[in-house]
Every structure is written in structure tokens, then in C-alpha cells.
Amino acid sequence: MFEEELEKASALYGLPLDRGQIEKFAIYCRLLIEWNEKMNLTAITEPKEVAVKHMVDSLTALRGIEDGESLRLIDVGTGAGFPGIPLKIVRPDMDLLLLDSLKKRVRFLETVVETLGFKGAACLHGRAEEAAREKGLRERFDVAVSRAVARLPVLAEYLLPFVRVGGRAIALKGLHSEEEAKEARRAAEILGGALIETIPVSLPGLSDRRAVLVMKKERATPKIYPRKAGTPAKEPLL
């Protein structure tokens, strides 16, 4: 059921998947449902909704990534692996780091990565504010991506410190994407980002508005950012 729904939804979206990709998505879906019985990973469990609202929605991030681009990508606050794992399935060439602050979710992610046999994928337990200060992670990624973590002024401070100059931060957003893009202009500028590009997207069978927001990195992020854990959410750069 899930495989059929995913095959149909991905084709309708305009990104048809091959049999090998669909099989990997099916394994991921099975693990997601199994682990969800032990811990809270997702409220969405119906096959069609998982296919559209999790898997295809994650793939909309590709709208902010150039075709054929050599890619080192970090998924910040990845939760159950969205959008990072779906992106890795369709772009196996990418070097992926999945970052999450909850250790038990990281154990789930490690299981998925091992089961799918990913090469060039790793999972890290930690907070974005602390990880982005590590020498091996700061400004080392071509792309930092996030889905449903925080409003964009806050998310910009989580993402942009990870991105190299010339790279980009990508946020998958819903109904209030245009409002958030306006709110985050100052934050993006402070953190070394350029004007925020809004790319409208639509998912098969859904009428709600969604968008991929892209912040290009033009200058190095000042060393004082990100601020200490919890501060970006309490005191956004508005």
C-alpha cells in the first residue's frame, strides 16, 4: 500500500522514483512505524499520508539544490530523519550528517542508516547551537536544511553557521512562509546570508500552501553566533 502511494505521489509531484528507491523508502517507512510504537517519532502513520506529507514533502528541498551539485549536507533537528533520509535515498552521492538533540531519536536514525546501507552518512547527538561551534562542523557544509523546527528568524541562527560561504541554508515551510521570510531578513543579514528566496511548492492531493525558503551564504558568520543554547529561541534576531 505504501509503495503504491509513494510511486503515485512522487510521479504526480514530478519526481518519479525507481524501484530501488521505492524499496528503500518502504524499509524506512516500516522502521518508522515500528519504532513509533516505542517512542514518539510521528503522528502521521497512514500510508498515503506518510508518502505525501513526509517522504515527498522532504524531497521538495531539492528545489533549493542545483542538479549534479557535489553536496555535503547537514539536516539540523532532523527528528525522525526528515528531510535528510529521503534526500539521501534519491541523492546517494551526498555526504549526509543527521543532527538531533534527542539521543533516542539518534539511535533510531543510526538503525535506519545501517539498515539502508548508506555510505557517507552519519548521525550526531547534539544541539545546533553547540555543534555549530565545533571546528569540524562550522561553515563546512554546502547545504544546511531543516523542516518544522522553528520560525525562520530562529532557524537562520541554527543553520547558517554550519554553511560555507557560497553555500545555502534551506528551510521547508508551510502556510506562513512569506511572513517568516520577511521576519528573517535581518537575521539572515547579521548571520552572513543574502536575501531569502521563496520557492512555492505543492504536494499531490493537498491544497495547503508550502514553500522552500533558501538563504545563500555570502559572508562568514560572526563568531558570536550561534548564541548559547536556548537564546536564539528566546531572543530571535528580529
C-alpha atoms as a PDB file:
ATOM      1  CA  MET A   1       0.000   0.000   0.000  1.00  0.00           C
ATOM      2  CA  PHE A   2       2.718   2.476   0.993  1.00  0.00           C
ATOM      3  CA  GLU A   3       4.828   1.660  -2.066  1.00  0.00           C
ATOM      4  CA  GLU A   4       1.896   2.227  -4.403  1.00  0.00           C
ATOM      5  CA  GLU A   5       1.009   5.523  -2.755  1.00  0.00           C
ATOM      6  CA  LEU A   6       4.612   6.738  -2.870  1.00  0.00           C
ATOM      7  CA  GLU A   7       5.073   5.745  -6.510  1.00  0.00           C
ATOM      8  CA  LYS A   8       1.898   7.605  -7.455  1.00  0.00           C
ATOM      9  CA  ALA A   9       2.597  10.683  -5.306  1.00  0.00           C
ATOM     10  CA  SER A  10       6.202  11.089  -6.446  1.00  0.00           C
ATOM     11  CA  ALA A  11       5.155  10.817 -10.101  1.00  0.00           C
ATOM     12  CA  LEU A  12       2.414  13.409  -9.608  1.00  0.00           C
ATOM     13  CA  TYR A  13       4.897  15.713  -7.905  1.00  0.00           C
ATOM     14  CA  GLY A  14       7.183  15.369 -10.931  1.00  0.00           C
ATOM     15  CA  LEU A  15       9.972  13.322  -9.374  1.00  0.00           C
ATOM     16  CA  PRO A  16       9.272   9.687 -10.275  1.00  0.00           C
ATOM     17  CA  LEU A  17      11.228   7.169  -8.214  1.00  0.00           C
ATOM     18  CA  ASP A  18      12.801   3.969  -9.482  1.00  0.00           C
ATOM     19  CA  ARG A  19      12.125   0.542  -7.969  1.00  0.00           C
ATOM     20  CA  GLY A  20      15.294   0.543  -5.858  1.00  0.00           C
ATOM     21  CA  GLN A  21      14.444   3.935  -4.358  1.00  0.00           C
ATOM     22  CA  ILE A  22      10.870   2.890  -3.591  1.00  0.00           C
ATOM     23  CA  GLU A  23      12.132  -0.229  -1.818  1.00  0.00           C
ATOM     24  CA  LYS A  24      14.440   1.874   0.360  1.00  0.00           C
ATOM     25  CA  PHE A  25      11.575   4.247   1.196  1.00  0.00           C
ATOM     26  CA  ALA A  26       9.431   1.215   2.117  1.00  0.00           C
ATOM     27  CA  ILE A  27      12.099  -0.078   4.524  1.00  0.00           C
ATOM     28  CA  TYR A  28      12.374   3.386   6.048  1.00  0.00           C
ATOM     29  CA  CYS A  29       8.592   3.587   6.444  1.00  0.00           C
ATOM     30  CA  ARG A  30       8.473   0.158   8.112  1.00  0.00           C
ATOM     31  CA  LEU A  31      11.180   1.130  10.605  1.00  0.00           C
ATOM     32  CA  LEU A  32       9.430   4.445  11.279  1.00  0.00           C
ATOM     33  CA  ILE A  33       6.134   2.714  12.142  1.00  0.00           C
ATOM     34  CA  GLU A  34       7.825   0.007  14.231  1.00  0.00           C
ATOM     35  CA  TRP A  35       9.876   2.442  16.296  1.00  0.00           C
ATOM     36  CA  ASN A  36       6.932   4.817  16.589  1.00  0.00           C
ATOM     37  CA  GLU A  37       5.219   2.204  18.758  1.00  0.00           C
ATOM     38  CA  LYS A  38       8.051   2.572  21.299  1.00  0.00           C
ATOM     39  CA  MET A  39       8.739   6.301  21.054  1.00  0.00           C
ATOM     40  CA  ASN A  40       7.108   9.416  19.621  1.00  0.00           C
ATOM     41  CA  LEU A  41       8.518   9.882  16.127  1.00  0.00           C
ATOM     42  CA  THR A  42       5.458  10.936  14.133  1.00  0.00           C
ATOM     43  CA  ALA A  43       1.712  11.460  14.454  1.00  0.00           C
ATOM     44  CA  ILE A  44       1.370  10.594  10.754  1.00  0.00           C
ATOM     45  CA  THR A  45       1.189   6.827  10.209  1.00  0.00           C
ATOM     46  CA  GLU A  46      -1.409   6.245   7.448  1.00  0.00           C
ATOM     47  CA  PRO A  47       0.477   5.032   4.325  1.00  0.00           C
ATOM     48  CA  LYS A  48      -0.766   7.715   1.930  1.00  0.00           C
ATOM     49  CA  GLU A  49      -0.071  10.496   4.416  1.00  0.00           C
ATOM     50  CA  VAL A  50       3.424   9.171   5.175  1.00  0.00           C
ATOM     51  CA  ALA A  51       4.130   9.008   1.439  1.00  0.00           C
ATOM     52  CA  VAL A  52       2.965  12.560   0.736  1.00  0.00           C
ATOM     53  CA  LYS A  53       3.425  14.539   3.955  1.00  0.00           C
ATOM     54  CA  HIS A  54       6.756  13.038   4.974  1.00  0.00           C
ATOM     55  CA  MET A  55       8.545  11.498   2.001  1.00  0.00           C
ATOM     56  CA  VAL A  56       7.538  13.686  -0.958  1.00  0.00           C
ATOM     57  CA  ASP A  57       7.454  16.785   1.235  1.00  0.00           C
ATOM     58  CA  SER A  58      11.070  16.117   2.223  1.00  0.00           C
ATOM     59  CA  LEU A  59      12.054  15.862  -1.434  1.00  0.00           C
ATOM     60  CA  THR A  60      10.810  19.407  -2.084  1.00  0.00           C
ATOM     61  CA  ALA A  61      14.143  20.518  -0.567  1.00  0.00           C
ATOM     62  CA  LEU A  62      15.719  19.519  -3.874  1.00  0.00           C
ATOM     63  CA  ARG A  63      14.180  22.709  -5.312  1.00  0.00           C
ATOM     64  CA  GLY A  64      16.900  24.607  -3.464  1.00  0.00           C
ATOM     65  CA  ILE A  65      19.736  22.311  -4.586  1.00  0.00           C
ATOM     66  CA  GLU A  66      21.342  22.504  -8.014  1.00  0.00           C
ATOM     67  CA  ASP A  67      21.315  19.360 -10.161  1.00  0.00           C
ATOM     68  CA  GLY A  68      24.603  17.498 -10.134  1.00  0.00           C
ATOM     69  CA  GLU A  69      25.949  19.619  -7.282  1.00  0.00           C
ATOM     70  CA  SER A  70      28.585  17.884  -5.163  1.00  0.00           C
ATOM     71  CA  LEU A  71      26.992  18.002  -1.783  1.00  0.00           C
ATOM     72  CA  ARG A  72      27.886  17.918   1.880  1.00  0.00           C
ATOM     73  CA  LEU A  73      24.572  18.368   3.687  1.00  0.00           C
ATOM     74  CA  ILE A  74      23.571  18.648   7.352  1.00  0.00           C
ATOM     75  CA  ASP A  75      19.972  18.116   8.461  1.00  0.00           C
ATOM     76  CA  VAL A  76      19.539  20.185  11.630  1.00  0.00           C
ATOM     77  CA  GLY A  77      16.915  18.998  14.119  1.00  0.00           C
ATOM     78  CA  THR A  78      16.163  16.072  11.851  1.00  0.00           C
ATOM     79  CA  GLY A  79      13.791  14.291  14.249  1.00  0.00           C
ATOM     80  CA  ALA A  80      12.735  11.069  12.523  1.00  0.00           C
ATOM     81  CA  GLY A  81      15.076  11.795   9.606  1.00  0.00           C
ATOM     82  CA  PHE A  82      13.116  14.307   7.553  1.00  0.00           C
ATOM     83  CA  PRO A  83      14.183  15.618   5.128  1.00  0.00           C
ATOM     84  CA  GLY A  84      17.700  14.156   5.283  1.00  0.00           C
ATOM     85  CA  ILE A  85      16.998  10.459   4.782  1.00  0.00           C
ATOM     86  CA  PRO A  86      14.624  10.893   1.801  1.00  0.00           C
ATOM     87  CA  LEU A  87      17.179  13.235   0.219  1.00  0.00           C
ATOM     88  CA  LYS A  88      19.938  10.656   0.714  1.00  0.00           C
ATOM     89  CA  ILE A  89      17.802   7.953  -0.914  1.00  0.00           C
ATOM     90  CA  VAL A  90      17.419   9.983  -4.114  1.00  0.00           C
ATOM     91  CA  ARG A  91      20.882  11.576  -3.921  1.00  0.00           C
ATOM     92  CA  PRO A  92      23.095   8.719  -2.649  1.00  0.00           C
ATOM     93  CA  ASP A  93      26.172  10.705  -3.698  1.00  0.00           C
ATOM     94  CA  MET A  94      25.619  13.292  -0.972  1.00  0.00           C
ATOM     95  CA  ASP A  95      27.609  13.288   2.263  1.00  0.00           C
ATOM     96  CA  LEU A  96      24.914  13.496   4.959  1.00  0.00           C
ATOM     97  CA  LEU A  97      25.009  14.380   8.651  1.00  0.00           C
ATOM     98  CA  LEU A  98      21.806  13.961  10.670  1.00  0.00           C
ATOM     99  CA  LEU A  99      21.811  16.149  13.795  1.00  0.00           C
ATOM    100  CA  ASP A 100      19.272  15.799  16.610  1.00  0.00           C
ATOM    101  CA  SER A 101      19.179  16.792  20.264  1.00  0.00           C
ATOM    102  CA  LEU A 102      17.360  13.654  21.487  1.00  0.00           C
ATOM    103  CA  LYS A 103      19.562  10.598  21.953  1.00  0.00           C
ATOM    104  CA  LYS A 104      16.824   8.002  21.448  1.00  0.00           C
ATOM    105  CA  ARG A 105      15.922   9.556  18.095  1.00  0.00           C
ATOM    106  CA  VAL A 106      19.582   9.357  17.115  1.00  0.00           C
ATOM    107  CA  ARG A 107      19.513   5.621  17.893  1.00  0.00           C
ATOM    108  CA  PHE A 108      16.572   5.271  15.510  1.00  0.00           C
ATOM    109  CA  LEU A 109      18.428   7.240  12.825  1.00  0.00           C
ATOM    110  CA  GLU A 110      21.516   5.058  13.235  1.00  0.00           C
ATOM    111  CA  THR A 111      19.333   1.978  12.718  1.00  0.00           C
ATOM    112  CA  VAL A 112      17.864   3.433   9.516  1.00  0.00           C
ATOM    113  CA  VAL A 113      21.295   4.418   8.159  1.00  0.00           C
ATOM    114  CA  GLU A 114      22.701   0.944   8.898  1.00  0.00           C
ATOM    115  CA  THR A 115      19.672  -0.925   7.535  1.00  0.00           C
ATOM    116  CA  LEU A 116      19.632   1.050   4.289  1.00  0.00           C
ATOM    117  CA  GLY A 117      23.375   0.551   3.881  1.00  0.00           C
ATOM    118  CA  PHE A 118      24.089   4.238   3.390  1.00  0.00           C
ATOM    119  CA  LYS A 119      27.649   5.211   2.558  1.00  0.00           C
ATOM    120  CA  GLY A 120      28.662   8.725   3.522  1.00  0.00           C
ATOM    121  CA  ALA A 121      26.005   9.198   6.213  1.00  0.00           C
ATOM    122  CA  ALA A 122      26.434   9.810   9.938  1.00  0.00           C
ATOM    123  CA  CYS A 123      24.235  10.659  12.923  1.00  0.00           C
ATOM    124  CA  LEU A 124      25.156  13.108  15.675  1.00  0.00           C
ATOM    125  CA  HIS A 125      23.541  13.745  19.053  1.00  0.00           C
ATOM    126  CA  GLY A 126      23.697  17.426  19.970  1.00  0.00           C
ATOM    127  CA  ARG A 127      22.134  20.872  19.929  1.00  0.00           C
ATOM    128  CA  ALA A 128      22.619  23.082  16.890  1.00  0.00           C
ATOM    129  CA  GLU A 129      23.894  25.991  18.998  1.00  0.00           C
ATOM    130  CA  GLU A 130      26.736  23.850  20.365  1.00  0.00           C
ATOM    131  CA  ALA A 131      27.506  21.709  17.304  1.00  0.00           C
ATOM    132  CA  ALA A 132      27.913  24.786  15.079  1.00  0.00           C
ATOM    133  CA  ARG A 133      30.830  25.923  17.241  1.00  0.00           C
ATOM    134  CA  GLU A 134      32.806  22.739  16.610  1.00  0.00           C
ATOM    135  CA  LYS A 135      35.725  23.307  14.255  1.00  0.00           C
ATOM    136  CA  GLY A 136      34.910  20.297  12.095  1.00  0.00           C
ATOM    137  CA  LEU A 137      31.302  21.403  11.589  1.00  0.00           C
ATOM    138  CA  ARG A 138      31.325  25.195  11.473  1.00  0.00           C
ATOM    139  CA  GLU A 139      30.981  26.566   7.937  1.00  0.00           C
ATOM    140  CA  ARG A 140      31.859  23.129   6.494  1.00  0.00           C
ATOM    141  CA  PHE A 141      28.610  22.249   4.681  1.00  0.00           C
ATOM    142  CA  ASP A 142      27.373  23.092   1.211  1.00  0.00           C
ATOM    143  CA  VAL A 143      23.790  22.933   2.461  1.00  0.00           C
ATOM    144  CA  ALA A 144      22.116  23.030   5.874  1.00  0.00           C
ATOM    145  CA  VAL A 145      18.477  22.005   5.784  1.00  0.00           C
ATOM    146  CA  SER A 146      15.647  21.836   8.290  1.00  0.00           C
ATOM    147  CA  ARG A 147      11.961  21.012   8.370  1.00  0.00           C
ATOM    148  CA  ALA A 148       9.421  22.104  11.000  1.00  0.00           C
ATOM    149  CA  VAL A 149      11.966  23.045  13.669  1.00  0.00           C
ATOM    150  CA  ALA A 150      11.420  26.758  14.381  1.00  0.00           C
ATOM    151  CA  ARG A 151      10.350  30.021  12.785  1.00  0.00           C
ATOM    152  CA  LEU A 152      12.864  31.297  10.255  1.00  0.00           C
ATOM    153  CA  PRO A 153      14.481  34.087  12.342  1.00  0.00           C
ATOM    154  CA  VAL A 154      15.417  31.397  14.888  1.00  0.00           C
ATOM    155  CA  LEU A 155      16.192  28.737  12.305  1.00  0.00           C
ATOM    156  CA  ALA A 156      18.590  31.045  10.463  1.00  0.00           C
ATOM    157  CA  GLU A 157      20.786  31.151  13.567  1.00  0.00           C
ATOM    158  CA  TYR A 158      20.711  27.356  13.776  1.00  0.00           C
ATOM    159  CA  LEU A 159      21.521  26.785  10.098  1.00  0.00           C
ATOM    160  CA  LEU A 160      23.758  29.493   8.657  1.00  0.00           C
ATOM    161  CA  PRO A 161      26.749  28.923  11.000  1.00  0.00           C
ATOM    162  CA  PHE A 162      27.081  25.422   9.512  1.00  0.00           C
ATOM    163  CA  VAL A 163      27.131  26.672   5.904  1.00  0.00           C
ATOM    164  CA  ARG A 164      30.295  27.539   3.979  1.00  0.00           C
ATOM    165  CA  VAL A 165      30.458  30.877   2.173  1.00  0.00           C
ATOM    166  CA  GLY A 166      28.806  30.241  -1.184  1.00  0.00           C
ATOM    167  CA  GLY A 167      26.552  27.520   0.217  1.00  0.00           C
ATOM    168  CA  ARG A 168      22.946  27.830   1.318  1.00  0.00           C
ATOM    169  CA  ALA A 169      20.502  27.156   4.118  1.00  0.00           C
ATOM    170  CA  ILE A 170      17.171  25.599   3.165  1.00  0.00           C
ATOM    171  CA  ALA A 171      14.001  25.618   5.272  1.00  0.00           C
ATOM    172  CA  LEU A 172      10.844  23.713   4.381  1.00  0.00           C
ATOM    173  CA  LYS A 173       7.884  25.823   5.428  1.00  0.00           C
ATOM    174  CA  GLY A 174       4.107  25.896   5.286  1.00  0.00           C
ATOM    175  CA  LEU A 175       1.307  28.420   5.453  1.00  0.00           C
ATOM    176  CA  HIS A 176       3.255  31.376   6.884  1.00  0.00           C
ATOM    177  CA  SER A 177       6.367  31.054   4.708  1.00  0.00           C
ATOM    178  CA  GLU A 178       6.173  34.556   3.184  1.00  0.00           C
ATOM    179  CA  GLU A 179       5.671  36.150   6.598  1.00  0.00           C
ATOM    180  CA  GLU A 180       8.601  34.195   8.030  1.00  0.00           C
ATOM    181  CA  ALA A 181      10.848  35.174   5.130  1.00  0.00           C
ATOM    182  CA  LYS A 182      10.155  38.860   5.846  1.00  0.00           C
ATOM    183  CA  GLU A 183      10.726  38.350   9.591  1.00  0.00           C
ATOM    184  CA  ALA A 184      14.085  36.699   8.967  1.00  0.00           C
ATOM    185  CA  ARG A 185      15.663  39.317   6.690  1.00  0.00           C
ATOM    186  CA  ARG A 186      17.628  40.974   9.490  1.00  0.00           C
ATOM    187  CA  ALA A 187      18.713  37.641  10.976  1.00  0.00           C
ATOM    188  CA  ALA A 188      19.959  36.416   7.600  1.00  0.00           C
ATOM    189  CA  GLU A 189      21.936  39.617   7.045  1.00  0.00           C
ATOM    190  CA  ILE A 190      23.527  39.514  10.516  1.00  0.00           C
ATOM    191  CA  LEU A 191      24.498  35.861  10.067  1.00  0.00           C
ATOM    192  CA  GLY A 192      26.094  36.310   6.647  1.00  0.00           C
ATOM    193  CA  GLY A 193      23.134  35.388   4.469  1.00  0.00           C
ATOM    194  CA  ALA A 194      21.684  37.146   1.442  1.00  0.00           C
ATOM    195  CA  LEU A 195      18.078  37.910   0.551  1.00  0.00           C
ATOM    196  CA  ILE A 196      15.780  34.953   1.114  1.00  0.00           C
ATOM    197  CA  GLU A 197      14.398  33.225  -1.969  1.00  0.00           C
ATOM    198  CA  THR A 198      10.888  31.794  -1.660  1.00  0.00           C
ATOM    199  CA  ILE A 199      10.113  28.831  -3.931  1.00  0.00           C
ATOM    200  CA  PRO A 200       6.411  27.837  -3.812  1.00  0.00           C
ATOM    201  CA  VAL A 201       5.716  24.099  -3.871  1.00  0.00           C
ATOM    202  CA  SER A 202       2.578  21.987  -3.826  1.00  0.00           C
ATOM    203  CA  LEU A 203       2.094  18.381  -2.774  1.00  0.00           C
ATOM    204  CA  PRO A 204      -0.216  15.909  -4.579  1.00  0.00           C
ATOM    205  CA  GLY A 205      -3.737  15.981  -3.185  1.00  0.00           C
ATOM    206  CA  LEU A 206      -3.073  18.815  -0.705  1.00  0.00           C
ATOM    207  CA  SER A 207      -4.358  22.359  -1.044  1.00  0.00           C
ATOM    208  CA  ASP A 208      -2.304  23.991   1.722  1.00  0.00           C
ATOM    209  CA  ARG A 209       0.450  26.420   0.743  1.00  0.00           C
ATOM    210  CA  ARG A 210       4.050  25.348   1.152  1.00  0.00           C
ATOM    211  CA  ALA A 211       7.412  26.781   0.197  1.00  0.00           C
ATOM    212  CA  VAL A 212      11.108  26.100   0.169  1.00  0.00           C
ATOM    213  CA  LEU A 213      12.972  29.086   1.641  1.00  0.00           C
ATOM    214  CA  VAL A 214      16.592  29.457   0.541  1.00  0.00           C
ATOM    215  CA  MET A 215      19.214  31.650   2.229  1.00  0.00           C
ATOM    216  CA  LYS A 216      22.503  31.942   0.332  1.00  0.00           C
ATOM    217  CA  LYS A 217      25.637  32.427   2.427  1.00  0.00           C
ATOM    218  CA  GLU A 218      27.639  35.458   1.283  1.00  0.00           C
ATOM    219  CA  ARG A 219      29.912  36.162   4.245  1.00  0.00           C
ATOM    220  CA  ALA A 220      31.323  34.288   7.203  1.00  0.00           C
ATOM    221  CA  THR A 221      29.026  34.187  10.237  1.00  0.00           C
ATOM    222  CA  PRO A 222      30.324  36.385  13.083  1.00  0.00           C
ATOM    223  CA  LYS A 223      31.985  34.294  15.792  1.00  0.00           C
ATOM    224  CA  ILE A 224      29.446  35.280  18.442  1.00  0.00           C
ATOM    225  CA  TYR A 225      26.761  33.255  16.606  1.00  0.00           C
ATOM    226  CA  PRO A 226      25.072  30.995  17.312  1.00  0.00           C
ATOM    227  CA  ARG A 227      24.446  32.246  20.814  1.00  0.00           C
ATOM    228  CA  LYS A 228      24.292  29.835  23.753  1.00  0.00           C
ATOM    229  CA  ALA A 229      21.687  27.059  23.775  1.00  0.00           C
ATOM    230  CA  GLY A 230      18.136  28.355  24.151  1.00  0.00           C
ATOM    231  CA  THR A 231      18.945  32.011  23.435  1.00  0.00           C
ATOM    232  CA  PRO A 232      18.003  32.061  19.709  1.00  0.00           C
ATOM    233  CA  ALA A 233      14.508  30.792  20.521  1.00  0.00           C
ATOM    234  CA  LYS A 234      14.043  33.205  23.437  1.00  0.00           C
ATOM    235  CA  GLU A 235      15.583  36.248  21.745  1.00  0.00           C
ATOM    236  CA  PRO A 236      15.271  35.906  17.929  1.00  0.00           C
ATOM    237  CA  LEU A 237      17.261  38.242  15.696  1.00  0.00           C
ATOM    238  CA  LEU A 238      14.269  40.303  14.548  1.00  0.00           C
END
